């Protein structure tokens, strides 16, 4: 199947031609979340969204509309001043954004840009 072409993979996410598979997304069991490429409105990094420690969380929802997949080091690194690069997806017809870390941000963003070129330039406004 064409959609089964794996284009990027690390311990946090797999990016296929037609979907994202975000690892350890749902509490409390850590099951994955699949987001179809055709449903993505916007894909931004934590730096592009100017997210601070209060908007980010190791797993679950911080003080924002973003649900974060598990990365226990995400907030620890922010406290120490270093920052994990994270991707935040705004998905059609969903009020909660999907956030996850990436190990190789340059490669992950290159793949995202090649699959959905307008997603990184689109306004990023979650539903009320």
PDB file of N, CA and C in Angstrom:
ATOM      1  N   UNK A   1       0.822  -1.176   0.000  1.00  0.00           N
ATOM      2  CA  UNK A   1       0.000   0.000   0.000  1.00  0.00           C
ATOM      3  C   UNK A   1       0.869   1.243   0.000  1.00  0.00           C
ATOM      4  N   UNK A   2       0.482   2.245  -0.775  1.00  0.00           N
ATOM      5  CA  UNK A   2       1.274   3.460  -0.899  1.00  0.00           C
ATOM      6  C   UNK A   2       1.380   4.211   0.421  1.00  0.00           C
ATOM      7  N   UNK A   3       0.314   4.262   1.215  1.00  0.00           N
ATOM      8  CA  UNK A   3       0.313   4.987   2.479  1.00  0.00           C
ATOM      9  C   UNK A   3       1.207   4.372   3.537  1.00  0.00           C
ATOM     10  N   UNK A   4       1.638   3.109   3.334  1.00  0.00           N
ATOM     11  CA  UNK A   4       2.469   2.434   4.313  1.00  0.00           C
ATOM     12  C   UNK A   4       3.956   2.764   4.168  1.00  0.00           C
ATOM     13  N   UNK A   5       4.294   3.708   3.318  1.00  0.00           N
ATOM     14  CA  UNK A   5       5.683   4.113   3.165  1.00  0.00           C
ATOM     15  C   UNK A   5       6.102   4.926   4.387  1.00  0.00           C
ATOM     16  N   UNK A   6       7.035   4.379   5.169  1.00  0.00           N
ATOM     17  CA  UNK A   6       7.528   5.052   6.365  1.00  0.00           C
ATOM     18  C   UNK A   6       8.611   6.050   5.954  1.00  0.00           C
ATOM     19  N   UNK A   7       8.396   7.334   6.274  1.00  0.00           N
ATOM     20  CA  UNK A   7       9.308   8.393   5.850  1.00  0.00           C
ATOM     21  C   UNK A   7      10.165   8.937   6.983  1.00  0.00           C
ATOM     22  N   UNK A   8       9.683   8.811   8.210  1.00  0.00           N
ATOM     23  CA  UNK A   8      10.443   9.274   9.382  1.00  0.00           C
ATOM     24  C   UNK A   8      10.001   8.445  10.576  1.00  0.00           C
ATOM     25  N   UNK A   9      10.965   8.085  11.432  1.00  0.00           N
ATOM     26  CA  UNK A   9      10.633   7.327  12.633  1.00  0.00           C
ATOM     27  C   UNK A   9      11.635   7.638  13.728  1.00  0.00           C
ATOM     28  N   UNK A  10      11.112   7.855  14.932  1.00  0.00           N
ATOM     29  CA  UNK A  10      11.922   7.888  16.132  1.00  0.00           C
ATOM     30  C   UNK A  10      11.072   7.314  17.256  1.00  0.00           C
ATOM     31  N   UNK A  11      11.521   7.422  18.501  1.00  0.00           N
ATOM     32  CA  UNK A  11      10.761   6.789  19.587  1.00  0.00           C
ATOM     33  C   UNK A  11       9.455   7.507  19.900  1.00  0.00           C
ATOM     34  N   UNK A  12       9.250   8.719  19.344  1.00  0.00           N
ATOM     35  CA  UNK A  12       8.056   9.505  19.638  1.00  0.00           C
ATOM     36  C   UNK A  12       6.990   9.454  18.543  1.00  0.00           C
ATOM     37  N   UNK A  13       7.401   9.262  17.293  1.00  0.00           N
ATOM     38  CA  UNK A  13       6.448   9.369  16.185  1.00  0.00           C
ATOM     39  C   UNK A  13       6.936   8.576  14.975  1.00  0.00           C
ATOM     40  N   UNK A  14       5.977   8.111  14.195  1.00  0.00           N
ATOM     41  CA  UNK A  14       6.252   7.553  12.870  1.00  0.00           C
ATOM     42  C   UNK A  14       5.464   8.405  11.887  1.00  0.00           C
ATOM     43  N   UNK A  15       6.129   8.839  10.825  1.00  0.00           N
ATOM     44  CA  UNK A  15       5.453   9.626   9.800  1.00  0.00           C
ATOM     45  C   UNK A  15       5.444   8.808   8.515  1.00  0.00           C
ATOM     46  N   UNK A  16       4.230   8.468   8.086  1.00  0.00           N
ATOM     47  CA  UNK A  16       4.023   7.750   6.839  1.00  0.00           C
ATOM     48  C   UNK A  16       3.562   8.747   5.782  1.00  0.00           C
ATOM     49  N   UNK A  17       3.442   8.297   4.580  1.00  0.00           N
ATOM     50  CA  UNK A  17       3.000   9.171   3.503  1.00  0.00           C
ATOM     51  C   UNK A  17       1.588   9.715   3.747  1.00  0.00           C
ATOM     52  N   UNK A  18       0.747   8.939   4.425  1.00  0.00           N
ATOM     53  CA  UNK A  18      -0.647   9.351   4.602  1.00  0.00           C
ATOM     54  C   UNK A  18      -1.064   9.638   6.046  1.00  0.00           C
ATOM     55  N   UNK A  19      -0.132   9.452   7.028  1.00  0.00           N
ATOM     56  CA  UNK A  19      -0.554   9.619   8.419  1.00  0.00           C
ATOM     57  C   UNK A  19       0.643   9.792   9.365  1.00  0.00           C
ATOM     58  N   UNK A  20       0.308  10.310  10.537  1.00  0.00           N
ATOM     59  CA  UNK A  20       1.223  10.335  11.670  1.00  0.00           C
ATOM     60  C   UNK A  20       0.765   9.261  12.637  1.00  0.00           C
ATOM     61  N   UNK A  21       1.680   8.523  13.243  1.00  0.00           N
ATOM     62  CA  UNK A  21       1.378   7.629  14.356  1.00  0.00           C
ATOM     63  C   UNK A  21       2.184   8.145  15.545  1.00  0.00           C
ATOM     64  N   UNK A  22       1.481   8.798  16.467  1.00  0.00           N
ATOM     65  CA  UNK A  22       2.121   9.414  17.622  1.00  0.00           C
ATOM     66  C   UNK A  22       2.176   8.381  18.744  1.00  0.00           C
ATOM     67  N   UNK A  23       3.372   8.031  19.167  1.00  0.00           N
ATOM     68  CA  UNK A  23       3.571   6.986  20.178  1.00  0.00           C
ATOM     69  C   UNK A  23       3.168   7.467  21.564  1.00  0.00           C
ATOM     70  N   UNK A  24       2.754   6.537  22.396  1.00  0.00           N
ATOM     71  CA  UNK A  24       2.450   6.764  23.814  1.00  0.00           C
ATOM     72  C   UNK A  24       1.642   8.042  23.995  1.00  0.00           C
ATOM     73  N   UNK A  25       0.489   8.072  23.374  1.00  0.00           N
ATOM     74  CA  UNK A  25      -0.344   9.265  23.366  1.00  0.00           C
ATOM     75  C   UNK A  25      -1.391   9.250  24.485  1.00  0.00           C
ATOM     76  N   UNK A  26      -2.168   8.189  24.554  1.00  0.00           N
ATOM     77  CA  UNK A  26      -3.302   8.152  25.466  1.00  0.00           C
ATOM     78  C   UNK A  26      -2.904   7.702  26.874  1.00  0.00           C
ATOM     79  N   UNK A  27      -3.415   8.430  27.873  1.00  0.00           N
ATOM     80  CA  UNK A  27      -3.291   8.025  29.271  1.00  0.00           C
ATOM     81  C   UNK A  27      -4.395   7.029  29.584  1.00  0.00           C
ATOM     82  N   UNK A  28      -4.260   6.081  30.443  1.00  0.00           N
ATOM     83  CA  UNK A  28      -3.057   5.714  31.179  1.00  0.00           C
ATOM     84  C   UNK A  28      -2.282   4.583  30.524  1.00  0.00           C
ATOM     85  N   UNK A  29      -2.763   4.076  29.403  1.00  0.00           N
ATOM     86  CA  UNK A  29      -2.170   2.862  28.828  1.00  0.00           C
ATOM     87  C   UNK A  29      -1.057   3.125  27.829  1.00  0.00           C
ATOM     88  N   UNK A  30      -0.933   4.346  27.355  1.00  0.00           N
ATOM     89  CA  UNK A  30       0.153   4.670  26.443  1.00  0.00           C
ATOM     90  C   UNK A  30      -0.047   4.183  25.025  1.00  0.00           C
ATOM     91  N   UNK A  31      -1.285   4.040  24.608  1.00  0.00           N
ATOM     92  CA  UNK A  31      -1.528   3.624  23.230  1.00  0.00           C
ATOM     93  C   UNK A  31      -1.255   4.783  22.270  1.00  0.00           C
ATOM     94  N   UNK A  32      -1.047   4.437  21.029  1.00  0.00           N
ATOM     95  CA  UNK A  32      -0.702   5.427  20.004  1.00  0.00           C
ATOM     96  C   UNK A  32      -1.943   6.154  19.489  1.00  0.00           C
ATOM     97  N   UNK A  33      -1.714   7.285  18.871  1.00  0.00           N
ATOM     98  CA  UNK A  33      -2.775   8.072  18.221  1.00  0.00           C
ATOM     99  C   UNK A  33      -2.397   8.214  16.757  1.00  0.00           C
ATOM    100  N   UNK A  34      -3.333   7.935  15.875  1.00  0.00           N
ATOM    101  CA  UNK A  34      -3.116   8.111  14.438  1.00  0.00           C
ATOM    102  C   UNK A  34      -3.834   9.373  13.979  1.00  0.00           C
ATOM    103  N   UNK A  35      -3.129  10.192  13.212  1.00  0.00           N
ATOM    104  CA  UNK A  35      -3.708  11.399  12.623  1.00  0.00           C
ATOM    105  C   UNK A  35      -3.455  11.317  11.123  1.00  0.00           C
ATOM    106  N   UNK A  36      -4.525  11.366  10.356  1.00  0.00           N
ATOM    107  CA  UNK A  36      -4.387  11.286   8.899  1.00  0.00           C
ATOM    108  C   UNK A  36      -3.850  12.604   8.353  1.00  0.00           C
ATOM    109  N   UNK A  37      -2.976  12.502   7.402  1.00  0.00           N
ATOM    110  CA  UNK A  37      -2.332  13.665   6.799  1.00  0.00           C
ATOM    111  C   UNK A  37      -3.362  14.638   6.222  1.00  0.00           C
ATOM    112  N   UNK A  38      -4.419  14.120   5.622  1.00  0.00           N
ATOM    113  CA  UNK A  38      -5.430  14.964   4.987  1.00  0.00           C
ATOM    114  C   UNK A  38      -6.231  15.784   5.999  1.00  0.00           C
ATOM    115  N   UNK A  39      -6.137  15.456   7.297  1.00  0.00           N
ATOM    116  CA  UNK A  39      -6.879  16.173   8.333  1.00  0.00           C
ATOM    117  C   UNK A  39      -6.060  17.268   9.016  1.00  0.00           C
ATOM    118  N   UNK A  40      -4.802  17.400   8.644  1.00  0.00           N
ATOM    119  CA  UNK A  40      -3.934  18.366   9.320  1.00  0.00           C
ATOM    120  C   UNK A  40      -4.095  19.747   8.698  1.00  0.00           C
ATOM    121  N   UNK A  41      -4.401  20.706   9.545  1.00  0.00           N
ATOM    122  CA  UNK A  41      -4.541  22.103   9.127  1.00  0.00           C
ATOM    123  C   UNK A  41      -3.202  22.811   9.256  1.00  0.00           C
ATOM    124  N   UNK A  42      -2.507  22.546  10.360  1.00  0.00           N
ATOM    125  CA  UNK A  42      -1.285  23.266  10.667  1.00  0.00           C
ATOM    126  C   UNK A  42      -0.328  22.367  11.427  1.00  0.00           C
ATOM    127  N   UNK A  43       0.964  22.536  11.187  1.00  0.00           N
ATOM    128  CA  UNK A  43       2.013  21.840  11.928  1.00  0.00           C
ATOM    129  C   UNK A  43       3.077  22.869  12.274  1.00  0.00           C
ATOM    130  N   UNK A  44       3.274  23.100  13.559  1.00  0.00           N
ATOM    131  CA  UNK A  44       4.221  24.116  14.026  1.00  0.00           C
ATOM    132  C   UNK A  44       5.128  23.524  15.096  1.00  0.00           C
ATOM    133  N   UNK A  45       6.302  24.135  15.271  1.00  0.00           N
ATOM    134  CA  UNK A  45       7.181  23.731  16.362  1.00  0.00           C
ATOM    135  C   UNK A  45       6.828  24.511  17.620  1.00  0.00           C
ATOM    136  N   UNK A  46       7.314  24.024  18.748  1.00  0.00           N
ATOM    137  CA  UNK A  46       7.096  24.733  20.010  1.00  0.00           C
ATOM    138  C   UNK A  46       7.703  26.139  19.953  1.00  0.00           C
ATOM    139  N   UNK A  47       8.818  26.302  19.266  1.00  0.00           N
ATOM    140  CA  UNK A  47       9.430  27.633  19.137  1.00  0.00           C
ATOM    141  C   UNK A  47       8.578  28.558  18.284  1.00  0.00           C
ATOM    142  N   UNK A  48       8.021  28.044  17.197  1.00  0.00           N
ATOM    143  CA  UNK A  48       7.160  28.862  16.335  1.00  0.00           C
ATOM    144  C   UNK A  48       5.909  29.327  17.074  1.00  0.00           C
ATOM    145  N   UNK A  49       5.439  28.516  18.020  1.00  0.00           N
ATOM    146  CA  UNK A  49       4.247  28.868  18.794  1.00  0.00           C
ATOM    147  C   UNK A  49       4.588  29.593  20.090  1.00  0.00           C
ATOM    148  N   UNK A  50       5.900  29.797  20.341  1.00  0.00           N
ATOM    149  CA  UNK A  50       6.361  30.468  21.570  1.00  0.00           C
ATOM    150  C   UNK A  50       5.810  29.813  22.832  1.00  0.00           C
ATOM    151  N   UNK A  51       5.877  28.488  22.867  1.00  0.00           N
ATOM    152  CA  UNK A  51       5.348  27.763  24.027  1.00  0.00           C
ATOM    153  C   UNK A  51       6.341  27.805  25.179  1.00  0.00           C
ATOM    154  N   UNK A  52       5.827  28.092  26.349  1.00  0.00           N
ATOM    155  CA  UNK A  52       6.634  28.091  27.562  1.00  0.00           C
ATOM    156  C   UNK A  52       6.357  26.849  28.379  1.00  0.00           C
ATOM    157  N   UNK A  53       6.980  26.778  29.528  1.00  0.00           N
ATOM    158  CA  UNK A  53       6.864  25.594  30.379  1.00  0.00           C
ATOM    159  C   UNK A  53       5.430  25.338  30.834  1.00  0.00           C
ATOM    160  N   UNK A  54       4.626  26.374  30.983  1.00  0.00           N
ATOM    161  CA  UNK A  54       3.250  26.167  31.435  1.00  0.00           C
ATOM    162  C   UNK A  54       2.358  25.582  30.345  1.00  0.00           C
ATOM    163  N   UNK A  55       2.718  25.793  29.082  1.00  0.00           N
ATOM    164  CA  UNK A  55       1.923  25.247  27.984  1.00  0.00           C
ATOM    165  C   UNK A  55       2.361  23.833  27.599  1.00  0.00           C
ATOM    166  N   UNK A  56       3.524  23.420  28.070  1.00  0.00           N
ATOM    167  CA  UNK A  56       4.043  22.102  27.713  1.00  0.00           C
ATOM    168  C   UNK A  56       3.936  21.173  28.916  1.00  0.00           C
ATOM    169  N   UNK A  57       3.878  19.881  28.635  1.00  0.00           N
ATOM    170  CA  UNK A  57       3.761  18.904  29.708  1.00  0.00           C
ATOM    171  C   UNK A  57       4.426  17.607  29.265  1.00  0.00           C
ATOM    172  N   UNK A  58       4.908  16.840  30.212  1.00  0.00           N
ATOM    173  CA  UNK A  58       5.544  15.558  29.899  1.00  0.00           C
ATOM    174  C   UNK A  58       4.588  14.541  29.303  1.00  0.00           C
ATOM    175  N   UNK A  59       3.309  14.616  29.702  1.00  0.00           N
ATOM    176  CA  UNK A  59       2.278  13.724  29.153  1.00  0.00           C
ATOM    177  C   UNK A  59       0.929  14.272  29.572  1.00  0.00           C
ATOM    178  N   UNK A  60       0.043  14.448  28.643  1.00  0.00           N
ATOM    179  CA  UNK A  60      -1.281  14.967  28.934  1.00  0.00           C
ATOM    180  C   UNK A  60      -1.395  16.430  28.550  1.00  0.00           C
ATOM    181  N   UNK A  61      -2.240  17.172  29.270  1.00  0.00           N
ATOM    182  CA  UNK A  61      -2.516  18.556  28.894  1.00  0.00           C
ATOM    183  C   UNK A  61      -1.970  19.517  29.946  1.00  0.00           C
ATOM    184  N   UNK A  62      -1.179  20.487  29.480  1.00  0.00           N
ATOM    185  CA  UNK A  62      -0.710  21.557  30.355  1.00  0.00           C
ATOM    186  C   UNK A  62      -1.743  22.669  30.339  1.00  0.00           C
ATOM    187  N   UNK A  63      -1.292  23.897  30.537  1.00  0.00           N
ATOM    188  CA  UNK A  63      -2.196  25.051  30.508  1.00  0.00           C
ATOM    189  C   UNK A  63      -2.313  25.563  29.074  1.00  0.00           C
ATOM    190  N   UNK A  64      -2.867  24.735  28.244  1.00  0.00           N
ATOM    191  CA  UNK A  64      -3.039  25.052  26.825  1.00  0.00           C
ATOM    192  C   UNK A  64      -4.079  24.091  26.248  1.00  0.00           C
ATOM    193  N   UNK A  65      -4.307  24.179  24.960  1.00  0.00           N
ATOM    194  CA  UNK A  65      -5.234  23.261  24.284  1.00  0.00           C
ATOM    195  C   UNK A  65      -4.484  22.114  23.606  1.00  0.00           C
ATOM    196  N   UNK A  66      -3.252  21.863  24.050  1.00  0.00           N
ATOM    197  CA  UNK A  66      -2.410  20.826  23.440  1.00  0.00           C
ATOM    198  C   UNK A  66      -2.366  19.598  24.343  1.00  0.00           C
ATOM    199  N   UNK A  67      -2.671  18.440  23.762  1.00  0.00           N
ATOM    200  CA  UNK A  67      -2.489  17.171  24.456  1.00  0.00           C
ATOM    201  C   UNK A  67      -1.128  16.628  24.037  1.00  0.00           C
ATOM    202  N   UNK A  68      -0.252  16.420  25.017  1.00  0.00           N
ATOM    203  CA  UNK A  68       1.120  15.997  24.741  1.00  0.00           C
ATOM    204  C   UNK A  68       1.285  14.492  24.883  1.00  0.00           C
ATOM    205  N   UNK A  69       1.894  13.875  23.874  1.00  0.00           N
ATOM    206  CA  UNK A  69       2.297  12.473  23.975  1.00  0.00           C
ATOM    207  C   UNK A  69       3.457  12.393  24.967  1.00  0.00           C
ATOM    208  N   UNK A  70       3.691  11.223  25.505  1.00  0.00           N
ATOM    209  CA  UNK A  70       4.693  11.035  26.548  1.00  0.00           C
ATOM    210  C   UNK A  70       6.107  11.385  26.088  1.00  0.00           C
ATOM    211  N   UNK A  71       6.748  12.240  26.845  1.00  0.00           N
ATOM    212  CA  UNK A  71       8.184  12.513  26.784  1.00  0.00           C
ATOM    213  C   UNK A  71       8.529  13.090  28.148  1.00  0.00           C
ATOM    214  N   UNK A  72       8.933  12.209  29.061  1.00  0.00           N
ATOM    215  CA  UNK A  72       9.176  12.618  30.445  1.00  0.00           C
ATOM    216  C   UNK A  72      10.247  13.692  30.555  1.00  0.00           C
ATOM    217  N   UNK A  73      11.144  13.771  29.594  1.00  0.00           N
ATOM    218  CA  UNK A  73      12.216  14.767  29.664  1.00  0.00           C
ATOM    219  C   UNK A  73      11.801  16.126  29.102  1.00  0.00           C
ATOM    220  N   UNK A  74      10.628  16.223  28.494  1.00  0.00           N
ATOM    221  CA  UNK A  74      10.226  17.476  27.835  1.00  0.00           C
ATOM    222  C   UNK A  74      10.249  18.665  28.787  1.00  0.00           C
ATOM    223  N   UNK A  75       9.583  18.566  29.908  1.00  0.00           N
ATOM    224  CA  UNK A  75       9.514  19.705  30.827  1.00  0.00           C
ATOM    225  C   UNK A  75      10.793  19.840  31.634  1.00  0.00           C
ATOM    226  N   UNK A  76      11.478  18.756  31.942  1.00  0.00           N
ATOM    227  CA  UNK A  76      12.749  18.851  32.656  1.00  0.00           C
ATOM    228  C   UNK A  76      13.763  19.637  31.830  1.00  0.00           C
ATOM    229  N   UNK A  77      13.827  19.373  30.533  1.00  0.00           N
ATOM    230  CA  UNK A  77      14.765  20.093  29.677  1.00  0.00           C
ATOM    231  C   UNK A  77      14.405  21.572  29.591  1.00  0.00           C
ATOM    232  N   UNK A  78      13.116  21.875  29.580  1.00  0.00           N
ATOM    233  CA  UNK A  78      12.704  23.276  29.531  1.00  0.00           C
ATOM    234  C   UNK A  78      13.109  24.020  30.799  1.00  0.00           C
ATOM    235  N   UNK A  79      12.991  23.382  31.950  1.00  0.00           N
ATOM    236  CA  UNK A  79      13.360  24.017  33.210  1.00  0.00           C
ATOM    237  C   UNK A  79      14.851  24.342  33.207  1.00  0.00           C
ATOM    238  N   UNK A  80      15.655  23.462  32.646  1.00  0.00           N
ATOM    239  CA  UNK A  80      17.100  23.670  32.639  1.00  0.00           C
ATOM    240  C   UNK A  80      17.545  24.614  31.531  1.00  0.00           C
ATOM    241  N   UNK A  81      16.631  25.094  30.695  1.00  0.00           N
ATOM    242  CA  UNK A  81      16.986  26.054  29.666  1.00  0.00           C
ATOM    243  C   UNK A  81      17.137  25.448  28.278  1.00  0.00           C
ATOM    244  N   UNK A  82      17.462  24.164  28.187  1.00  0.00           N
ATOM    245  CA  UNK A  82      17.528  23.505  26.884  1.00  0.00           C
ATOM    246  C   UNK A  82      16.109  23.160  26.463  1.00  0.00           C
ATOM    247  N   UNK A  83      15.904  22.983  25.174  1.00  0.00           N
ATOM    248  CA  UNK A  83      14.541  22.702  24.716  1.00  0.00           C
ATOM    249  C   UNK A  83      14.530  21.534  23.748  1.00  0.00           C
ATOM    250  N   UNK A  84      13.656  20.592  24.040  1.00  0.00           N
ATOM    251  CA  UNK A  84      13.343  19.564  23.059  1.00  0.00           C
ATOM    252  C   UNK A  84      12.556  20.238  21.943  1.00  0.00           C
ATOM    253  N   UNK A  85      12.782  19.849  20.719  1.00  0.00           N
ATOM    254  CA  UNK A  85      11.914  20.350  19.667  1.00  0.00           C
ATOM    255  C   UNK A  85      10.669  19.488  19.628  1.00  0.00           C
ATOM    256  N   UNK A  86       9.534  20.150  19.605  1.00  0.00           N
ATOM    257  CA  UNK A  86       8.253  19.470  19.576  1.00  0.00           C
ATOM    258  C   UNK A  86       7.466  19.965  18.368  1.00  0.00           C
ATOM    259  N   UNK A  87       6.601  19.114  17.894  1.00  0.00           N
ATOM    260  CA  UNK A  87       5.695  19.453  16.798  1.00  0.00           C
ATOM    261  C   UNK A  87       4.285  19.469  17.379  1.00  0.00           C
ATOM    262  N   UNK A  88       3.508  20.469  16.995  1.00  0.00           N
ATOM    263  CA  UNK A  88       2.121  20.578  17.423  1.00  0.00           C
ATOM    264  C   UNK A  88       1.254  20.576  16.171  1.00  0.00           C
ATOM    265  N   UNK A  89       0.321  19.630  16.114  1.00  0.00           N
ATOM    266  CA  UNK A  89      -0.582  19.506  14.972  1.00  0.00           C
ATOM    267  C   UNK A  89      -1.949  20.072  15.318  1.00  0.00           C
ATOM    268  N   UNK A  90      -2.457  20.904  14.444  1.00  0.00           N
ATOM    269  CA  UNK A  90      -3.841  21.361  14.529  1.00  0.00           C
ATOM    270  C   UNK A  90      -4.617  20.515  13.533  1.00  0.00           C
ATOM    271  N   UNK A  91      -5.629  19.800  14.031  1.00  0.00           N
ATOM    272  CA  UNK A  91      -6.348  18.810  13.232  1.00  0.00           C
ATOM    273  C   UNK A  91      -7.773  19.286  12.985  1.00  0.00           C
ATOM    274  N   UNK A  92      -8.207  19.091  11.750  1.00  0.00           N
ATOM    275  CA  UNK A  92      -9.556  19.477  11.323  1.00  0.00           C
ATOM    276  C   UNK A  92     -10.623  18.921  12.266  1.00  0.00           C
ATOM    277  N   UNK A  93     -11.573  19.780  12.659  1.00  0.00           N
ATOM    278  CA  UNK A  93     -12.727  19.410  13.475  1.00  0.00           C
ATOM    279  C   UNK A  93     -12.375  18.898  14.871  1.00  0.00           C
ATOM    280  N   UNK A  94     -11.198  19.230  15.389  1.00  0.00           N
ATOM    281  CA  UNK A  94     -10.807  18.831  16.739  1.00  0.00           C
ATOM    282  C   UNK A  94     -10.340  20.056  17.509  1.00  0.00           C
ATOM    283  N   UNK A  95     -10.783  20.194  18.744  1.00  0.00           N
ATOM    284  CA  UNK A  95     -10.410  21.362  19.542  1.00  0.00           C
ATOM    285  C   UNK A  95      -9.100  21.170  20.294  1.00  0.00           C
ATOM    286  N   UNK A  96      -8.664  19.938  20.450  1.00  0.00           N
ATOM    287  CA  UNK A  96      -7.408  19.666  21.140  1.00  0.00           C
ATOM    288  C   UNK A  96      -6.309  19.416  20.118  1.00  0.00           C
ATOM    289  N   UNK A  97      -5.234  20.197  20.233  1.00  0.00           N
ATOM    290  CA  UNK A  97      -4.083  19.993  19.353  1.00  0.00           C
ATOM    291  C   UNK A  97      -3.294  18.777  19.828  1.00  0.00           C
ATOM    292  N   UNK A  98      -2.489  18.225  18.943  1.00  0.00           N
ATOM    293  CA  UNK A  98      -1.698  17.045  19.254  1.00  0.00           C
ATOM    294  C   UNK A  98      -0.226  17.446  19.277  1.00  0.00           C
ATOM    295  N   UNK A  99       0.443  17.238  20.417  1.00  0.00           N
ATOM    296  CA  UNK A  99       1.848  17.606  20.551  1.00  0.00           C
ATOM    297  C   UNK A  99       2.714  16.391  20.805  1.00  0.00           C
ATOM    298  N   UNK A 100       3.918  16.404  20.227  1.00  0.00           N
ATOM    299  CA  UNK A 100       4.864  15.307  20.427  1.00  0.00           C
ATOM    300  C   UNK A 100       6.276  15.814  20.173  1.00  0.00           C
ATOM    301  N   UNK A 101       7.240  15.155  20.777  1.00  0.00           N
ATOM    302  CA  UNK A 101       8.646  15.480  20.576  1.00  0.00           C
ATOM    303  C   UNK A 101       9.167  14.773  19.334  1.00  0.00           C
ATOM    304  N   UNK A 102      10.283  15.254  18.820  1.00  0.00           N
ATOM    305  CA  UNK A 102      10.990  14.570  17.736  1.00  0.00           C
ATOM    306  C   UNK A 102      12.476  14.550  18.067  1.00  0.00           C
ATOM    307  N   UNK A 103      13.140  13.458  17.689  1.00  0.00           N
ATOM    308  CA  UNK A 103      14.576  13.333  17.958  1.00  0.00           C
ATOM    309  C   UNK A 103      15.423  14.041  16.913  1.00  0.00           C
ATOM    310  N   UNK A 104      14.954  14.110  15.686  1.00  0.00           N
ATOM    311  CA  UNK A 104      15.689  14.766  14.601  1.00  0.00           C
ATOM    312  C   UNK A 104      14.767  15.817  13.974  1.00  0.00           C
ATOM    313  N   UNK A 105      14.710  17.010  14.582  1.00  0.00           N
ATOM    314  CA  UNK A 105      13.746  18.005  14.117  1.00  0.00           C
ATOM    315  C   UNK A 105      13.935  18.435  12.661  1.00  0.00           C
ATOM    316  N   UNK A 106      15.164  18.545  12.206  1.00  0.00           N
ATOM    317  CA  UNK A 106      15.379  18.960  10.811  1.00  0.00           C
ATOM    318  C   UNK A 106      14.784  17.957   9.842  1.00  0.00           C
ATOM    319  N   UNK A 107      15.007  16.679  10.089  1.00  0.00           N
ATOM    320  CA  UNK A 107      14.478  15.646   9.191  1.00  0.00           C
ATOM    321  C   UNK A 107      12.960  15.543   9.300  1.00  0.00           C
ATOM    322  N   UNK A 108      12.430  15.585  10.518  1.00  0.00           N
ATOM    323  CA  UNK A 108      10.976  15.506  10.701  1.00  0.00           C
ATOM    324  C   UNK A 108      10.286  16.674   9.985  1.00  0.00           C
ATOM    325  N   UNK A 109      10.812  17.878  10.134  1.00  0.00           N
ATOM    326  CA  UNK A 109      10.208  19.047   9.484  1.00  0.00           C
ATOM    327  C   UNK A 109      10.359  18.995   7.967  1.00  0.00           C
ATOM    328  N   UNK A 110      11.472  18.447   7.485  1.00  0.00           N
ATOM    329  CA  UNK A 110      11.652  18.284   6.033  1.00  0.00           C
ATOM    330  C   UNK A 110      10.576  17.358   5.478  1.00  0.00           C
ATOM    331  N   UNK A 111      10.306  16.247   6.179  1.00  0.00           N
ATOM    332  CA  UNK A 111       9.284  15.298   5.735  1.00  0.00           C
ATOM    333  C   UNK A 111       7.902  15.948   5.787  1.00  0.00           C
ATOM    334  N   UNK A 112       7.599  16.634   6.876  1.00  0.00           N
ATOM    335  CA  UNK A 112       6.295  17.305   7.000  1.00  0.00           C
ATOM    336  C   UNK A 112       6.116  18.321   5.876  1.00  0.00           C
ATOM    337  N   UNK A 113       7.137  19.125   5.629  1.00  0.00           N
ATOM    338  CA  UNK A 113       7.055  20.129   4.561  1.00  0.00           C
ATOM    339  C   UNK A 113       6.843  19.495   3.191  1.00  0.00           C
ATOM    340  N   UNK A 114       7.430  18.318   2.971  1.00  0.00           N
ATOM    341  CA  UNK A 114       7.272  17.662   1.670  1.00  0.00           C
ATOM    342  C   UNK A 114       5.867  17.077   1.496  1.00  0.00           C
ATOM    343  N   UNK A 115       5.241  16.660   2.600  1.00  0.00           N
ATOM    344  CA  UNK A 115       3.925  16.024   2.518  1.00  0.00           C
ATOM    345  C   UNK A 115       2.778  17.027   2.564  1.00  0.00           C
ATOM    346  N   UNK A 116       2.903  18.026   3.390  1.00  0.00           N
ATOM    347  CA  UNK A 116       1.847  19.037   3.546  1.00  0.00           C
ATOM    348  C   UNK A 116       2.515  20.418   3.579  1.00  0.00           C
ATOM    349  N   UNK A 117       2.932  20.895   2.415  1.00  0.00           N
ATOM    350  CA  UNK A 117       3.728  22.122   2.352  1.00  0.00           C
ATOM    351  C   UNK A 117       3.056  23.356   2.941  1.00  0.00           C
ATOM    352  N   UNK A 118       1.754  23.438   2.925  1.00  0.00           N
ATOM    353  CA  UNK A 118       1.078  24.619   3.462  1.00  0.00           C
ATOM    354  C   UNK A 118       0.871  24.558   4.971  1.00  0.00           C
ATOM    355  N   UNK A 119       1.073  23.408   5.587  1.00  0.00           N
ATOM    356  CA  UNK A 119       0.770  23.246   7.006  1.00  0.00           C
ATOM    357  C   UNK A 119       1.647  24.108   7.899  1.00  0.00           C
ATOM    358  N   UNK A 120       2.881  24.343   7.503  1.00  0.00           N
ATOM    359  CA  UNK A 120       3.773  25.136   8.350  1.00  0.00           C
ATOM    360  C   UNK A 120       3.577  26.629   8.124  1.00  0.00           C
ATOM    361  N   UNK A 121       2.861  27.008   7.065  1.00  0.00           N
ATOM    362  CA  UNK A 121       2.588  28.416   6.792  1.00  0.00           C
ATOM    363  C   UNK A 121       1.170  28.820   7.177  1.00  0.00           C
ATOM    364  N   UNK A 122       0.338  27.840   7.504  1.00  0.00           N
ATOM    365  CA  UNK A 122      -1.068  28.127   7.846  1.00  0.00           C
ATOM    366  C   UNK A 122      -1.162  28.757   9.225  1.00  0.00           C
ATOM    367  N   UNK A 123      -2.155  29.627   9.424  1.00  0.00           N
ATOM    368  CA  UNK A 123      -2.389  30.142  10.769  1.00  0.00           C
ATOM    369  C   UNK A 123      -2.724  28.985  11.717  1.00  0.00           C
ATOM    370  N   UNK A 124      -2.319  29.113  12.938  1.00  0.00           N
ATOM    371  CA  UNK A 124      -2.518  28.038  13.903  1.00  0.00           C
ATOM    372  C   UNK A 124      -3.467  28.526  14.988  1.00  0.00           C
ATOM    373  N   UNK A 125      -4.760  28.377  14.739  1.00  0.00           N
ATOM    374  CA  UNK A 125      -5.780  28.816  15.682  1.00  0.00           C
ATOM    375  C   UNK A 125      -6.672  27.648  16.040  1.00  0.00           C
ATOM    376  N   UNK A 126      -6.516  27.110  17.264  1.00  0.00           N
ATOM    377  CA  UNK A 126      -7.388  26.013  17.662  1.00  0.00           C
ATOM    378  C   UNK A 126      -8.843  26.465  17.742  1.00  0.00           C
ATOM    379  N   UNK A 127      -9.739  25.500  17.643  1.00  0.00           N
ATOM    380  CA  UNK A 127     -11.162  25.791  17.768  1.00  0.00           C
ATOM    381  C   UNK A 127     -11.464  26.265  19.177  1.00  0.00           C
ATOM    382  N   UNK A 128     -12.468  27.125  19.349  1.00  0.00           N
ATOM    383  CA  UNK A 128     -12.804  27.587  20.711  1.00  0.00           C
ATOM    384  C   UNK A 128     -13.355  26.467  21.569  1.00  0.00           C
TER     385      UNK A 128
END
